[in-house]
């Protein structure tokens, strides 16, 4: 599935596809929220979670760019841990 196909789905179908087909990559904690990164074919899905309420605040879909920066150190550490 390409990013345009994913974005053309209804919100409900996007959530179902995320839970059924995406692969968890990494997470990042900030002061009052947490972000989780998932991979789908050639794009990424980022969830923003409220730590206090334990709820999902939003979903972002992207291919690359600044949104990926906060995960780079975590992913590299995970890769080095396997070596």
N, C-alpha and C. Protein backbone atom coordinates (compact mmCIF):
# COMPACT_ATOMS: atom_id res chain seq x y z
N UNK A 1 0.85 -1.18 0.00
CA UNK A 1 0.00 0.00 0.00
C UNK A 1 0.89 1.24 0.00
N UNK A 2 0.54 2.18 -0.83
CA UNK A 2 1.28 3.44 -0.88
C UNK A 2 0.60 4.47 0.02
N UNK A 3 1.31 5.54 0.33
CA UNK A 3 0.80 6.55 1.25
C UNK A 3 -0.51 7.15 0.76
N UNK A 4 -0.64 7.35 -0.54
CA UNK A 4 -1.86 7.93 -1.10
C UNK A 4 -3.05 6.98 -0.93
N UNK A 5 -2.79 5.69 -1.06
CA UNK A 5 -3.84 4.70 -0.85
C UNK A 5 -4.29 4.71 0.61
N UNK A 6 -3.32 4.81 1.52
CA UNK A 6 -3.63 4.84 2.95
C UNK A 6 -4.45 6.08 3.30
N UNK A 7 -4.04 7.22 2.78
CA UNK A 7 -4.76 8.46 3.09
C UNK A 7 -6.15 8.50 2.47
N UNK A 8 -6.38 7.72 1.42
CA UNK A 8 -7.69 7.67 0.79
C UNK A 8 -8.68 6.81 1.59
N UNK A 9 -8.16 6.00 2.53
CA UNK A 9 -9.04 5.19 3.36
C UNK A 9 -9.81 6.06 4.35
N UNK A 10 -10.94 5.57 4.83
CA UNK A 10 -11.66 6.28 5.90
C UNK A 10 -10.79 6.21 7.16
N UNK A 11 -11.07 7.06 8.13
CA UNK A 11 -10.31 7.06 9.38
C UNK A 11 -10.38 5.70 10.06
N UNK A 12 -11.54 5.10 10.05
CA UNK A 12 -11.70 3.77 10.67
C UNK A 12 -10.82 2.74 9.96
N UNK A 13 -10.79 2.78 8.63
CA UNK A 13 -9.96 1.85 7.87
C UNK A 13 -8.48 2.11 8.09
N UNK A 14 -8.11 3.39 8.27
CA UNK A 14 -6.72 3.72 8.57
C UNK A 14 -6.29 3.11 9.89
N UNK A 15 -7.15 3.23 10.91
CA UNK A 15 -6.83 2.64 12.21
C UNK A 15 -6.71 1.13 12.12
N UNK A 16 -7.63 0.49 11.42
CA UNK A 16 -7.59 -0.97 11.26
C UNK A 16 -6.32 -1.41 10.55
N UNK A 17 -5.94 -0.68 9.50
CA UNK A 17 -4.73 -1.00 8.75
C UNK A 17 -3.50 -0.81 9.61
N UNK A 18 -3.48 0.26 10.39
CA UNK A 18 -2.36 0.50 11.30
C UNK A 18 -2.19 -0.67 12.25
N UNK A 19 -3.23 -1.07 12.94
CA UNK A 19 -3.14 -2.15 13.94
C UNK A 19 -2.87 -3.51 13.29
N UNK A 20 -3.39 -3.74 12.09
CA UNK A 20 -3.24 -5.05 11.46
C UNK A 20 -1.93 -5.22 10.67
N UNK A 21 -1.46 -4.15 10.02
CA UNK A 21 -0.38 -4.30 9.05
C UNK A 21 0.91 -3.53 9.35
N UNK A 22 0.84 -2.50 10.16
CA UNK A 22 2.03 -1.68 10.42
C UNK A 22 2.97 -2.39 11.39
N UNK A 23 4.23 -2.02 11.31
CA UNK A 23 5.27 -2.58 12.18
C UNK A 23 5.76 -1.48 13.12
N UNK A 24 5.73 -1.76 14.42
CA UNK A 24 6.23 -0.81 15.42
C UNK A 24 7.74 -0.64 15.24
N UNK A 25 8.21 0.62 15.23
CA UNK A 25 9.62 0.90 15.03
C UNK A 25 10.28 1.44 16.31
N UNK A 26 9.70 2.50 16.89
CA UNK A 26 10.33 3.15 18.03
C UNK A 26 9.34 4.07 18.73
N UNK A 27 9.74 4.55 19.91
CA UNK A 27 8.93 5.54 20.62
C UNK A 27 9.84 6.65 21.14
N UNK A 28 9.22 7.77 21.46
CA UNK A 28 9.94 8.94 21.96
C UNK A 28 9.05 9.60 23.00
N UNK A 29 9.61 9.87 24.18
CA UNK A 29 8.84 10.53 25.24
C UNK A 29 9.28 11.97 25.37
N UNK A 30 8.29 12.87 25.41
CA UNK A 30 8.57 14.27 25.69
C UNK A 30 8.03 14.56 27.09
N UNK A 31 7.91 15.80 27.44
CA UNK A 31 7.50 16.18 28.79
C UNK A 31 6.10 15.66 29.14
N UNK A 32 5.14 15.90 28.28
CA UNK A 32 3.76 15.55 28.63
C UNK A 32 3.08 14.60 27.64
N UNK A 33 3.83 14.07 26.69
CA UNK A 33 3.24 13.14 25.74
C UNK A 33 4.30 12.15 25.24
N UNK A 34 3.83 11.16 24.53
CA UNK A 34 4.71 10.13 23.98
C UNK A 34 4.34 9.96 22.51
N UNK A 35 5.34 9.68 21.70
CA UNK A 35 5.12 9.44 20.28
C UNK A 35 5.55 8.01 19.95
N UNK A 36 4.78 7.33 19.12
CA UNK A 36 5.13 6.00 18.66
C UNK A 36 5.20 6.01 17.14
N UNK A 37 6.25 5.39 16.62
CA UNK A 37 6.47 5.36 15.18
C UNK A 37 6.23 3.95 14.65
N UNK A 38 5.44 3.87 13.58
CA UNK A 38 5.13 2.62 12.90
C UNK A 38 5.51 2.75 11.43
N UNK A 39 5.90 1.64 10.81
CA UNK A 39 6.25 1.63 9.39
C UNK A 39 5.20 0.85 8.62
N UNK A 40 4.84 1.40 7.46
CA UNK A 40 3.92 0.74 6.52
C UNK A 40 4.54 0.87 5.14
N UNK A 41 5.02 -0.22 4.60
CA UNK A 41 5.62 -0.23 3.27
C UNK A 41 6.65 0.88 3.12
N UNK A 42 6.33 1.96 2.44
CA UNK A 42 7.32 3.03 2.19
C UNK A 42 6.96 4.35 2.87
N UNK A 43 6.19 4.28 3.95
CA UNK A 43 5.88 5.49 4.71
C UNK A 43 5.75 5.16 6.18
N UNK A 44 5.63 6.20 7.00
CA UNK A 44 5.58 6.05 8.44
C UNK A 44 4.29 6.64 9.00
N UNK A 45 3.86 6.09 10.13
CA UNK A 45 2.70 6.59 10.84
C UNK A 45 3.16 6.89 12.26
N UNK A 46 2.88 8.12 12.72
CA UNK A 46 3.28 8.53 14.06
C UNK A 46 2.03 8.77 14.89
N UNK A 47 1.99 8.14 16.06
CA UNK A 47 0.90 8.36 16.99
C UNK A 47 1.38 9.25 18.12
N UNK A 48 0.56 10.23 18.50
CA UNK A 48 0.84 11.06 19.66
C UNK A 48 -0.08 10.61 20.78
N UNK A 49 0.50 10.25 21.92
CA UNK A 49 -0.26 9.71 23.04
C UNK A 49 -0.17 10.63 24.24
N UNK A 50 -1.27 10.80 24.96
CA UNK A 50 -1.30 11.54 26.22
C UNK A 50 -0.94 10.59 27.34
N UNK A 51 0.15 10.87 28.04
CA UNK A 51 0.60 9.98 29.10
C UNK A 51 -0.33 10.01 30.31
N UNK A 52 -0.88 11.18 30.62
CA UNK A 52 -1.74 11.32 31.79
C UNK A 52 -3.07 10.60 31.62
N UNK A 53 -3.65 10.70 30.44
CA UNK A 53 -4.97 10.10 30.21
C UNK A 53 -4.89 8.73 29.55
N UNK A 54 -3.72 8.37 29.02
CA UNK A 54 -3.57 7.10 28.33
C UNK A 54 -4.40 7.03 27.06
N UNK A 55 -4.50 8.16 26.36
CA UNK A 55 -5.32 8.20 25.14
C UNK A 55 -4.49 8.67 23.95
N UNK A 56 -5.00 8.39 22.77
CA UNK A 56 -4.35 8.80 21.53
C UNK A 56 -4.83 10.21 21.17
N UNK A 57 -3.88 11.12 21.00
CA UNK A 57 -4.21 12.50 20.65
C UNK A 57 -4.29 12.72 19.15
N UNK A 58 -3.49 11.98 18.40
CA UNK A 58 -3.50 12.19 16.96
C UNK A 58 -2.62 11.21 16.22
N UNK A 59 -2.77 11.26 14.91
CA UNK A 59 -2.01 10.40 14.00
C UNK A 59 -1.45 11.26 12.88
N UNK A 60 -0.17 11.07 12.58
CA UNK A 60 0.45 11.76 11.47
C UNK A 60 1.04 10.75 10.51
N UNK A 61 0.99 11.05 9.22
CA UNK A 61 1.50 10.15 8.19
C UNK A 61 2.54 10.92 7.38
N UNK A 62 3.72 10.32 7.18
CA UNK A 62 4.77 11.01 6.44
C UNK A 62 5.72 10.00 5.82
N UNK A 63 6.53 10.48 4.89
CA UNK A 63 7.51 9.63 4.21
C UNK A 63 8.90 9.84 4.83
N UNK A 64 9.28 11.08 5.07
CA UNK A 64 10.57 11.41 5.66
C UNK A 64 10.52 12.84 6.13
N UNK A 65 11.60 13.33 6.70
CA UNK A 65 11.67 14.72 7.10
C UNK A 65 11.91 14.90 8.58
N UNK A 66 11.65 16.10 9.07
CA UNK A 66 11.96 16.46 10.46
C UNK A 66 11.20 15.63 11.49
N UNK A 67 10.03 15.13 11.15
CA UNK A 67 9.29 14.30 12.10
C UNK A 67 10.08 13.04 12.45
N UNK A 68 10.96 12.61 11.58
CA UNK A 68 11.74 11.40 11.80
C UNK A 68 12.94 11.64 12.73
N UNK A 69 13.38 12.88 12.86
CA UNK A 69 14.60 13.20 13.59
C UNK A 69 14.59 12.68 15.03
N UNK A 70 13.47 12.79 15.73
CA UNK A 70 13.45 12.40 17.14
C UNK A 70 13.63 10.90 17.36
N UNK A 71 13.47 10.10 16.31
CA UNK A 71 13.60 8.65 16.42
C UNK A 71 14.97 8.12 16.01
N UNK A 72 15.77 8.94 15.37
CA UNK A 72 17.03 8.46 14.79
C UNK A 72 17.93 7.83 15.83
N UNK A 73 18.15 8.49 16.96
CA UNK A 73 19.03 7.94 18.00
C UNK A 73 18.51 6.61 18.52
N UNK A 74 17.22 6.52 18.75
CA UNK A 74 16.62 5.28 19.27
C UNK A 74 16.81 4.13 18.30
N UNK A 75 16.55 4.38 17.03
CA UNK A 75 16.68 3.32 16.02
C UNK A 75 18.12 2.88 15.89
N UNK A 76 19.07 3.83 15.88
CA UNK A 76 20.48 3.47 15.80
C UNK A 76 20.92 2.65 17.01
N UNK A 77 20.46 3.02 18.20
CA UNK A 77 20.80 2.26 19.40
C UNK A 77 20.26 0.83 19.32
N UNK A 78 19.03 0.68 18.81
CA UNK A 78 18.46 -0.64 18.66
C UNK A 78 19.27 -1.48 17.67
N UNK A 79 19.69 -0.87 16.57
CA UNK A 79 20.48 -1.59 15.57
C UNK A 79 21.83 -2.00 16.17
N UNK A 80 22.48 -1.09 16.87
CA UNK A 80 23.79 -1.41 17.47
C UNK A 80 23.65 -2.48 18.54
N UNK A 81 22.52 -2.54 19.21
CA UNK A 81 22.29 -3.56 20.23
C UNK A 81 22.25 -4.96 19.67
N UNK A 82 21.90 -5.08 18.39
CA UNK A 82 21.86 -6.39 17.74
C UNK A 82 23.22 -6.87 17.28
N UNK A 83 24.18 -5.95 17.15
CA UNK A 83 25.52 -6.32 16.64
C UNK A 83 26.35 -7.00 17.70
